[in-house]
Amino acid sequence: MDLIAIAENTVKIILILGLPSLIVSMIIGLIISIFQAVTQVSDASLAFVPKVIIVSIFILISFPWIGDHIITYTKDLWDIILVFGQ
């Protein structure tokens, strides 16, 4: 495995771990935008606070899954470092 493959795997793991939170944030933002359009309420905190709370709860719920991926990736990376070191 070369450095390009390591970089590709790093980007892949970042996308795999980051996209679910971003998707949840986008869905919540869309729901709040529809609510604001229907009720004609345009308050910035109405869009920000629910997103922060719901995404934080989602991250806490998915933290074991995220941790498993990070631990596996770190172990694989250390194995690669050992191979490069020989």
PDB file of N, CA and C in Angstrom:
ATOM      1  N   MET A   1       0.853  -1.173   0.000  1.00  0.00           N
ATOM      2  CA  MET A   1       0.000   0.000   0.000  1.00  0.00           C
ATOM      3  C   MET A   1       0.901   1.239   0.000  1.00  0.00           C
ATOM      4  N   ASP A   2       0.607   2.154  -0.881  1.00  0.00           N
ATOM      5  CA  ASP A   2       1.409   3.362  -0.975  1.00  0.00           C
ATOM      6  C   ASP A   2       0.687   4.536  -0.302  1.00  0.00           C
ATOM      7  N   LEU A   3       1.327   5.681  -0.335  1.00  0.00           N
ATOM      8  CA  LEU A   3       0.779   6.851   0.346  1.00  0.00           C
ATOM      9  C   LEU A   3      -0.508   7.354  -0.292  1.00  0.00           C
ATOM     10  N   ILE A   4      -0.638   7.179  -1.590  1.00  0.00           N
ATOM     11  CA  ILE A   4      -1.872   7.588  -2.271  1.00  0.00           C
ATOM     12  C   ILE A   4      -3.049   6.755  -1.768  1.00  0.00           C
ATOM     13  N   ALA A   5      -2.846   5.467  -1.606  1.00  0.00           N
ATOM     14  CA  ALA A   5      -3.910   4.590  -1.104  1.00  0.00           C
ATOM     15  C   ALA A   5      -4.280   4.946   0.334  1.00  0.00           C
ATOM     16  N   ILE A   6      -3.286   5.306   1.134  1.00  0.00           N
ATOM     17  CA  ILE A   6      -3.563   5.728   2.511  1.00  0.00           C
ATOM     18  C   ILE A   6      -4.405   7.008   2.506  1.00  0.00           C
ATOM     19  N   ALA A   7      -4.053   7.945   1.647  1.00  0.00           N
ATOM     20  CA  ALA A   7      -4.818   9.191   1.547  1.00  0.00           C
ATOM     21  C   ALA A   7      -6.244   8.916   1.066  1.00  0.00           C
ATOM     22  N   GLU A   8      -6.399   8.021   0.106  1.00  0.00           N
ATOM     23  CA  GLU A   8      -7.733   7.666  -0.384  1.00  0.00           C
ATOM     24  C   GLU A   8      -8.572   7.031   0.720  1.00  0.00           C
ATOM     25  N   ASN A   9      -7.955   6.130   1.489  1.00  0.00           N
ATOM     26  CA  ASN A   9      -8.679   5.498   2.593  1.00  0.00           C
ATOM     27  C   ASN A   9      -9.061   6.518   3.658  1.00  0.00           C
ATOM     28  N   THR A  10      -8.199   7.495   3.896  1.00  0.00           N
ATOM     29  CA  THR A  10      -8.500   8.536   4.881  1.00  0.00           C
ATOM     30  C   THR A  10      -9.693   9.369   4.436  1.00  0.00           C
ATOM     31  N   VAL A  11      -9.702   9.760   3.181  1.00  0.00           N
ATOM     32  CA  VAL A  11     -10.829  10.540   2.662  1.00  0.00           C
ATOM     33  C   VAL A  11     -12.110   9.709   2.705  1.00  0.00           C
ATOM     34  N   LYS A  12     -11.997   8.422   2.368  1.00  0.00           N
ATOM     35  CA  LYS A  12     -13.157   7.541   2.403  1.00  0.00           C
ATOM     36  C   LYS A  12     -13.749   7.440   3.799  1.00  0.00           C
ATOM     37  N   ILE A  13     -12.894   7.272   4.805  1.00  0.00           N
ATOM     38  CA  ILE A  13     -13.379   7.135   6.181  1.00  0.00           C
ATOM     39  C   ILE A  13     -13.977   8.448   6.676  1.00  0.00           C
ATOM     40  N   ILE A  14     -13.396   9.577   6.254  1.00  0.00           N
ATOM     41  CA  ILE A  14     -13.955  10.876   6.632  1.00  0.00           C
ATOM     42  C   ILE A  14     -15.353  11.036   6.037  1.00  0.00           C
ATOM     43  N   LEU A  15     -15.518  10.661   4.784  1.00  0.00           N
ATOM     44  CA  LEU A  15     -16.833  10.761   4.147  1.00  0.00           C
ATOM     45  C   LEU A  15     -17.841   9.816   4.777  1.00  0.00           C
ATOM     46  N   ILE A  16     -17.416   8.591   5.056  1.00  0.00           N
ATOM     47  CA  ILE A  16     -18.323   7.609   5.648  1.00  0.00           C
ATOM     48  C   ILE A  16     -18.801   8.075   7.025  1.00  0.00           C
ATOM     49  N   LEU A  17     -17.915   8.663   7.802  1.00  0.00           N
ATOM     50  CA  LEU A  17     -18.281   9.079   9.150  1.00  0.00           C
ATOM     51  C   LEU A  17     -18.970  10.435   9.191  1.00  0.00           C
ATOM     52  N   GLY A  18     -18.711  11.295   8.234  1.00  0.00           N
ATOM     53  CA  GLY A  18     -19.274  12.634   8.269  1.00  0.00           C
ATOM     54  C   GLY A  18     -20.605  12.792   7.555  1.00  0.00           C
ATOM     55  N   LEU A  19     -20.823  12.013   6.508  1.00  0.00           N
ATOM     56  CA  LEU A  19     -22.029  12.192   5.710  1.00  0.00           C
ATOM     57  C   LEU A  19     -23.339  11.935   6.453  1.00  0.00           C
ATOM     58  N   PRO A  20     -23.442  10.919   7.316  1.00  0.00           N
ATOM     59  CA  PRO A  20     -24.728  10.745   8.008  1.00  0.00           C
ATOM     60  C   PRO A  20     -25.150  11.965   8.832  1.00  0.00           C
ATOM     61  N   SER A  21     -24.215  12.601   9.528  1.00  0.00           N
ATOM     62  CA  SER A  21     -24.549  13.795  10.309  1.00  0.00           C
ATOM     63  C   SER A  21     -24.944  14.950   9.399  1.00  0.00           C
ATOM     64  N   LEU A  22     -24.257  15.094   8.283  1.00  0.00           N
ATOM     65  CA  LEU A  22     -24.606  16.152   7.339  1.00  0.00           C
ATOM     66  C   LEU A  22     -25.978  15.920   6.717  1.00  0.00           C
ATOM     67  N   ILE A  23     -26.290  14.673   6.418  1.00  0.00           N
ATOM     68  CA  ILE A  23     -27.601  14.365   5.843  1.00  0.00           C
ATOM     69  C   ILE A  23     -28.708  14.658   6.841  1.00  0.00           C
ATOM     70  N   VAL A  24     -28.501  14.278   8.106  1.00  0.00           N
ATOM     71  CA  VAL A  24     -29.488  14.583   9.145  1.00  0.00           C
ATOM     72  C   VAL A  24     -29.656  16.089   9.271  1.00  0.00           C
ATOM     73  N   SER A  25     -28.562  16.824   9.254  1.00  0.00           N
ATOM     74  CA  SER A  25     -28.624  18.281   9.347  1.00  0.00           C
ATOM     75  C   SER A  25     -29.380  18.883   8.166  1.00  0.00           C
ATOM     76  N   MET A  26     -29.137  18.361   6.964  1.00  0.00           N
ATOM     77  CA  MET A  26     -29.844  18.871   5.786  1.00  0.00           C
ATOM     78  C   MET A  26     -31.335  18.579   5.858  1.00  0.00           C
ATOM     79  N   ILE A  27     -31.712  17.389   6.319  1.00  0.00           N
ATOM     80  CA  ILE A  27     -33.126  17.038   6.426  1.00  0.00           C
ATOM     81  C   ILE A  27     -33.822  17.929   7.453  1.00  0.00           C
ATOM     82  N   ILE A  28     -33.188  18.122   8.603  1.00  0.00           N
ATOM     83  CA  ILE A  28     -33.764  18.990   9.638  1.00  0.00           C
ATOM     84  C   ILE A  28     -33.858  20.417   9.117  1.00  0.00           C
ATOM     85  N   GLY A  29     -32.847  20.892   8.424  1.00  0.00           N
ATOM     86  CA  GLY A  29     -32.883  22.234   7.848  1.00  0.00           C
ATOM     87  C   GLY A  29     -34.010  22.393   6.849  1.00  0.00           C
ATOM     88  N   LEU A  30     -34.238  21.364   6.033  1.00  0.00           N
ATOM     89  CA  LEU A  30     -35.326  21.410   5.059  1.00  0.00           C
ATOM     90  C   LEU A  30     -36.686  21.463   5.758  1.00  0.00           C
ATOM     91  N   ILE A  31     -36.847  20.644   6.785  1.00  0.00           N
ATOM     92  CA  ILE A  31     -38.103  20.643   7.536  1.00  0.00           C
ATOM     93  C   ILE A  31     -38.343  21.999   8.193  1.00  0.00           C
ATOM     94  N   ILE A  32     -37.309  22.566   8.789  1.00  0.00           N
ATOM     95  CA  ILE A  32     -37.445  23.869   9.444  1.00  0.00           C
ATOM     96  C   ILE A  32     -37.715  24.961   8.408  1.00  0.00           C
ATOM     97  N   SER A  33     -37.082  24.881   7.261  1.00  0.00           N
ATOM     98  CA  SER A  33     -37.330  25.871   6.199  1.00  0.00           C
ATOM     99  C   SER A  33     -38.768  25.808   5.706  1.00  0.00           C
ATOM    100  N   ILE A  34     -39.284  24.604   5.553  1.00  0.00           N
ATOM    101  CA  ILE A  34     -40.689  24.465   5.142  1.00  0.00           C
ATOM    102  C   ILE A  34     -41.599  25.044   6.217  1.00  0.00           C
ATOM    103  N   PHE A  35     -41.290  24.750   7.494  1.00  0.00           N
ATOM    104  CA  PHE A  35     -42.088  25.299   8.599  1.00  0.00           C
ATOM    105  C   PHE A  35     -42.040  26.824   8.599  1.00  0.00           C
ATOM    106  N   GLN A  36     -40.865  27.391   8.384  1.00  0.00           N
ATOM    107  CA  GLN A  36     -40.735  28.844   8.360  1.00  0.00           C
ATOM    108  C   GLN A  36     -41.472  29.448   7.171  1.00  0.00           C
ATOM    109  N   ALA A  37     -41.464  28.776   6.043  1.00  0.00           N
ATOM    110  CA  ALA A  37     -42.172  29.290   4.865  1.00  0.00           C
ATOM    111  C   ALA A  37     -43.688  29.247   5.074  1.00  0.00           C
ATOM    112  N   VAL A  38     -44.158  28.192   5.718  1.00  0.00           N
ATOM    113  CA  VAL A  38     -45.596  28.057   5.935  1.00  0.00           C
ATOM    114  C   VAL A  38     -46.085  29.066   6.970  1.00  0.00           C
ATOM    115  N   THR A  39     -45.331  29.236   8.052  1.00  0.00           N
ATOM    116  CA  THR A  39     -45.775  30.120   9.131  1.00  0.00           C
ATOM    117  C   THR A  39     -45.264  31.549   8.976  1.00  0.00           C
ATOM    118  N   GLN A  40     -44.388  31.791   8.028  1.00  0.00           N
ATOM    119  CA  GLN A  40     -43.779  33.101   7.786  1.00  0.00           C
ATOM    120  C   GLN A  40     -43.033  33.622   9.013  1.00  0.00           C
ATOM    121  N   VAL A  41     -42.446  32.709   9.767  1.00  0.00           N
ATOM    122  CA  VAL A  41     -41.596  33.067  10.900  1.00  0.00           C
ATOM    123  C   VAL A  41     -40.158  33.034  10.401  1.00  0.00           C
ATOM    124  N   SER A  42     -39.451  34.130  10.534  1.00  0.00           N
ATOM    125  CA  SER A  42     -38.068  34.161  10.050  1.00  0.00           C
ATOM    126  C   SER A  42     -37.134  34.531  11.200  1.00  0.00           C
ATOM    127  N   ASP A  43     -36.925  33.568  12.069  1.00  0.00           N
ATOM    128  CA  ASP A  43     -36.029  33.765  13.199  1.00  0.00           C
ATOM    129  C   ASP A  43     -34.808  32.872  12.992  1.00  0.00           C
ATOM    130  N   ALA A  44     -33.625  33.438  13.113  1.00  0.00           N
ATOM    131  CA  ALA A  44     -32.400  32.671  12.855  1.00  0.00           C
ATOM    132  C   ALA A  44     -32.200  31.572  13.890  1.00  0.00           C
ATOM    133  N   SER A  45     -32.568  31.836  15.141  1.00  0.00           N
ATOM    134  CA  SER A  45     -32.375  30.823  16.179  1.00  0.00           C
ATOM    135  C   SER A  45     -33.316  29.640  15.977  1.00  0.00           C
ATOM    136  N   LEU A  46     -34.443  29.864  15.318  1.00  0.00           N
ATOM    137  CA  LEU A  46     -35.364  28.768  15.035  1.00  0.00           C
ATOM    138  C   LEU A  46     -34.730  27.749  14.091  1.00  0.00           C
ATOM    139  N   ALA A  47     -33.871  28.189  13.219  1.00  0.00           N
ATOM    140  CA  ALA A  47     -33.197  27.269  12.304  1.00  0.00           C
ATOM    141  C   ALA A  47     -31.956  26.653  12.935  1.00  0.00           C
ATOM    142  N   PHE A  48     -31.295  27.369  13.829  1.00  0.00           N
ATOM    143  CA  PHE A  48     -30.003  26.925  14.353  1.00  0.00           C
ATOM    144  C   PHE A  48     -30.140  25.960  15.530  1.00  0.00           C
ATOM    145  N   VAL A  49     -30.946  26.310  16.504  1.00  0.00           N
ATOM    146  CA  VAL A  49     -31.017  25.535  17.751  1.00  0.00           C
ATOM    147  C   VAL A  49     -31.511  24.108  17.528  1.00  0.00           C
ATOM    148  N   PRO A  50     -32.613  23.883  16.816  1.00  0.00           N
ATOM    149  CA  PRO A  50     -33.035  22.485  16.610  1.00  0.00           C
ATOM    150  C   PRO A  50     -32.005  21.653  15.855  1.00  0.00           C
ATOM    151  N   LYS A  51     -31.338  22.272  14.876  1.00  0.00           N
ATOM    152  CA  LYS A  51     -30.306  21.530  14.141  1.00  0.00           C
ATOM    153  C   LYS A  51     -29.188  21.087  15.061  1.00  0.00           C
ATOM    154  N   VAL A  52     -28.712  22.000  15.903  1.00  0.00           N
ATOM    155  CA  VAL A  52     -27.618  21.660  16.823  1.00  0.00           C
ATOM    156  C   VAL A  52     -28.036  20.553  17.771  1.00  0.00           C
ATOM    157  N   ILE A  53     -29.235  20.662  18.317  1.00  0.00           N
ATOM    158  CA  ILE A  53     -29.704  19.663  19.283  1.00  0.00           C
ATOM    159  C   ILE A  53     -29.874  18.299  18.615  1.00  0.00           C
ATOM    160  N   ILE A  54     -30.547  18.255  17.479  1.00  0.00           N
ATOM    161  CA  ILE A  54     -30.832  16.976  16.831  1.00  0.00           C
ATOM    162  C   ILE A  54     -29.565  16.336  16.281  1.00  0.00           C
ATOM    163  N   VAL A  55     -28.673  17.111  15.690  1.00  0.00           N
ATOM    164  CA  VAL A  55     -27.422  16.543  15.179  1.00  0.00           C
ATOM    165  C   VAL A  55     -26.548  16.060  16.339  1.00  0.00           C
ATOM    166  N   SER A  56     -26.539  16.778  17.452  1.00  0.00           N
ATOM    167  CA  SER A  56     -25.779  16.328  18.626  1.00  0.00           C
ATOM    168  C   SER A  56     -26.319  15.006  19.155  1.00  0.00           C
ATOM    169  N   ILE A  57     -27.639  14.885  19.225  1.00  0.00           N
ATOM    170  CA  ILE A  57     -28.250  13.627  19.669  1.00  0.00           C
ATOM    171  C   ILE A  57     -27.916  12.508  18.683  1.00  0.00           C
ATOM    172  N   PHE A  58     -27.974  12.807  17.389  1.00  0.00           N
ATOM    173  CA  PHE A  58     -27.641  11.796  16.377  1.00  0.00           C
ATOM    174  C   PHE A  58     -26.189  11.338  16.515  1.00  0.00           C
ATOM    175  N   ILE A  59     -25.281  12.270  16.745  1.00  0.00           N
ATOM    176  CA  ILE A  59     -23.869  11.906  16.902  1.00  0.00           C
ATOM    177  C   ILE A  59     -23.674  11.058  18.161  1.00  0.00           C
ATOM    178  N   LEU A  60     -24.349  11.412  19.246  1.00  0.00           N
ATOM    179  CA  LEU A  60     -24.245  10.613  20.474  1.00  0.00           C
ATOM    180  C   LEU A  60     -24.786   9.204  20.269  1.00  0.00           C
ATOM    181  N   ILE A  61     -25.880   9.081  19.522  1.00  0.00           N
ATOM    182  CA  ILE A  61     -26.445   7.759  19.256  1.00  0.00           C
ATOM    183  C   ILE A  61     -25.526   6.941  18.346  1.00  0.00           C
ATOM    184  N   SER A  62     -24.932   7.586  17.356  1.00  0.00           N
ATOM    185  CA  SER A  62     -24.089   6.856  16.406  1.00  0.00           C
ATOM    186  C   SER A  62     -22.622   6.807  16.824  1.00  0.00           C
ATOM    187  N   PHE A  63     -22.307   7.294  18.021  1.00  0.00           N
ATOM    188  CA  PHE A  63     -20.910   7.315  18.462  1.00  0.00           C
ATOM    189  C   PHE A  63     -20.262   5.930  18.541  1.00  0.00           C
ATOM    190  N   PRO A  64     -20.968   4.878  19.003  1.00  0.00           N
ATOM    191  CA  PRO A  64     -20.320   3.546  18.979  1.00  0.00           C
ATOM    192  C   PRO A  64     -19.938   3.099  17.571  1.00  0.00           C
ATOM    193  N   TRP A  65     -20.790   3.371  16.598  1.00  0.00           N
ATOM    194  CA  TRP A  65     -20.490   3.019  15.214  1.00  0.00           C
ATOM    195  C   TRP A  65     -19.291   3.820  14.706  1.00  0.00           C
ATOM    196  N   ILE A  66     -19.266   5.108  15.010  1.00  0.00           N
ATOM    197  CA  ILE A  66     -18.147   5.962  14.607  1.00  0.00           C
ATOM    198  C   ILE A  66     -16.858   5.480  15.275  1.00  0.00           C
ATOM    199  N   GLY A  67     -16.939   5.173  16.561  1.00  0.00           N
ATOM    200  CA  GLY A  67     -15.764   4.700  17.288  1.00  0.00           C
ATOM    201  C   GLY A  67     -15.209   3.407  16.727  1.00  0.00           C
ATOM    202  N   ASP A  68     -16.101   2.480  16.361  1.00  0.00           N
ATOM    203  CA  ASP A  68     -15.649   1.218  15.757  1.00  0.00           C
ATOM    204  C   ASP A  68     -14.887   1.462  14.462  1.00  0.00           C
ATOM    205  N   HIS A  69     -15.409   2.350  13.631  1.00  0.00           N
ATOM    206  CA  HIS A  69     -14.727   2.656  12.367  1.00  0.00           C
ATOM    207  C   HIS A  69     -13.374   3.326  12.609  1.00  0.00           C
ATOM    208  N   ILE A  70     -13.319   4.239  13.554  1.00  0.00           N
ATOM    209  CA  ILE A  70     -12.055   4.930  13.827  1.00  0.00           C
ATOM    210  C   ILE A  70     -11.025   3.972  14.417  1.00  0.00           C
ATOM    211  N   ILE A  71     -11.454   3.089  15.309  1.00  0.00           N
ATOM    212  CA  ILE A  71     -10.524   2.120  15.909  1.00  0.00           C
ATOM    213  C   ILE A  71      -9.991   1.168  14.841  1.00  0.00           C
ATOM    214  N   THR A  72     -10.878   0.670  13.987  1.00  0.00           N
ATOM    215  CA  THR A  72     -10.446  -0.232  12.913  1.00  0.00           C
ATOM    216  C   THR A  72      -9.478   0.462  11.966  1.00  0.00           C
ATOM    217  N   TYR A  73      -9.794   1.701  11.593  1.00  0.00           N
ATOM    218  CA  TYR A  73      -8.920   2.440  10.677  1.00  0.00           C
ATOM    219  C   TYR A  73      -7.564   2.716  11.329  1.00  0.00           C
ATOM    220  N   THR A  74      -7.575   3.067  12.609  1.00  0.00           N
ATOM    221  CA  THR A  74      -6.315   3.344  13.304  1.00  0.00           C
ATOM    222  C   THR A  74      -5.444   2.096  13.396  1.00  0.00           C
ATOM    223  N   LYS A  75      -6.050   0.949  13.702  1.00  0.00           N
ATOM    224  CA  LYS A  75      -5.286  -0.302  13.759  1.00  0.00           C
ATOM    225  C   LYS A  75      -4.696  -0.641  12.387  1.00  0.00           C
ATOM    226  N   ASP A  76      -5.501  -0.475  11.336  1.00  0.00           N
ATOM    227  CA  ASP A  76      -4.994  -0.724   9.983  1.00  0.00           C
ATOM    228  C   ASP A  76      -3.846   0.225   9.643  1.00  0.00           C
ATOM    229  N   LEU A  77      -3.988   1.475  10.040  1.00  0.00           N
ATOM    230  CA  LEU A  77      -2.944   2.462   9.769  1.00  0.00           C
ATOM    231  C   LEU A  77      -1.654   2.121  10.504  1.00  0.00           C
ATOM    232  N   TRP A  78      -1.769   1.691  11.756  1.00  0.00           N
ATOM    233  CA  TRP A  78      -0.565   1.302  12.498  1.00  0.00           C
ATOM    234  C   TRP A  78       0.095   0.070  11.875  1.00  0.00           C
ATOM    235  N   ASP A  79      -0.722  -0.863  11.372  1.00  0.00           N
ATOM    236  CA  ASP A  79      -0.145  -2.029  10.679  1.00  0.00           C
ATOM    237  C   ASP A  79       0.616  -1.597   9.430  1.00  0.00           C
ATOM    238  N   ILE A  80       0.076  -0.631   8.713  1.00  0.00           N
ATOM    239  CA  ILE A  80       0.752  -0.126   7.515  1.00  0.00           C
ATOM    240  C   ILE A  80       2.054   0.584   7.900  1.00  0.00           C
ATOM    241  N   ILE A  81       2.013   1.347   8.997  1.00  0.00           N
ATOM    242  CA  ILE A  81       3.219   2.038   9.453  1.00  0.00           C
ATOM    243  C   ILE A  81       4.306   1.022   9.815  1.00  0.00           C
ATOM    244  N   LEU A  82       3.915  -0.076  10.442  1.00  0.00           N
ATOM    245  CA  LEU A  82       4.886  -1.108  10.776  1.00  0.00           C
ATOM    246  C   LEU A  82       5.499  -1.723   9.518  1.00  0.00           C
ATOM    247  N   VAL A  83       4.711  -1.902   8.466  1.00  0.00           N
ATOM    248  CA  VAL A  83       5.221  -2.452   7.216  1.00  0.00           C
ATOM    249  C   VAL A  83       6.196  -1.474   6.573  1.00  0.00           C
ATOM    250  N   PHE A  84       5.849  -0.172   6.578  1.00  0.00           N
ATOM    251  CA  PHE A  84       6.746   0.850   6.009  1.00  0.00           C
ATOM    252  C   PHE A  84       8.041   0.963   6.811  1.00  0.00           C
ATOM    253  N   GLY A  85       7.973   0.688   8.118  1.00  0.00           N
ATOM    254  CA  GLY A  85       9.140   0.857   8.970  1.00  0.00           C
ATOM    255  C   GLY A  85      10.179  -0.241   8.805  1.00  0.00           C
ATOM    256  N   GLN A  86       9.811  -1.341   8.193  1.00  0.00           N
ATOM    257  CA  GLN A  86      10.776  -2.442   8.067  1.00  0.00           C
ATOM    258  C   GLN A  86      11.702  -2.267   6.908  1.00  0.00           C
TER     259      GLN A  86
END
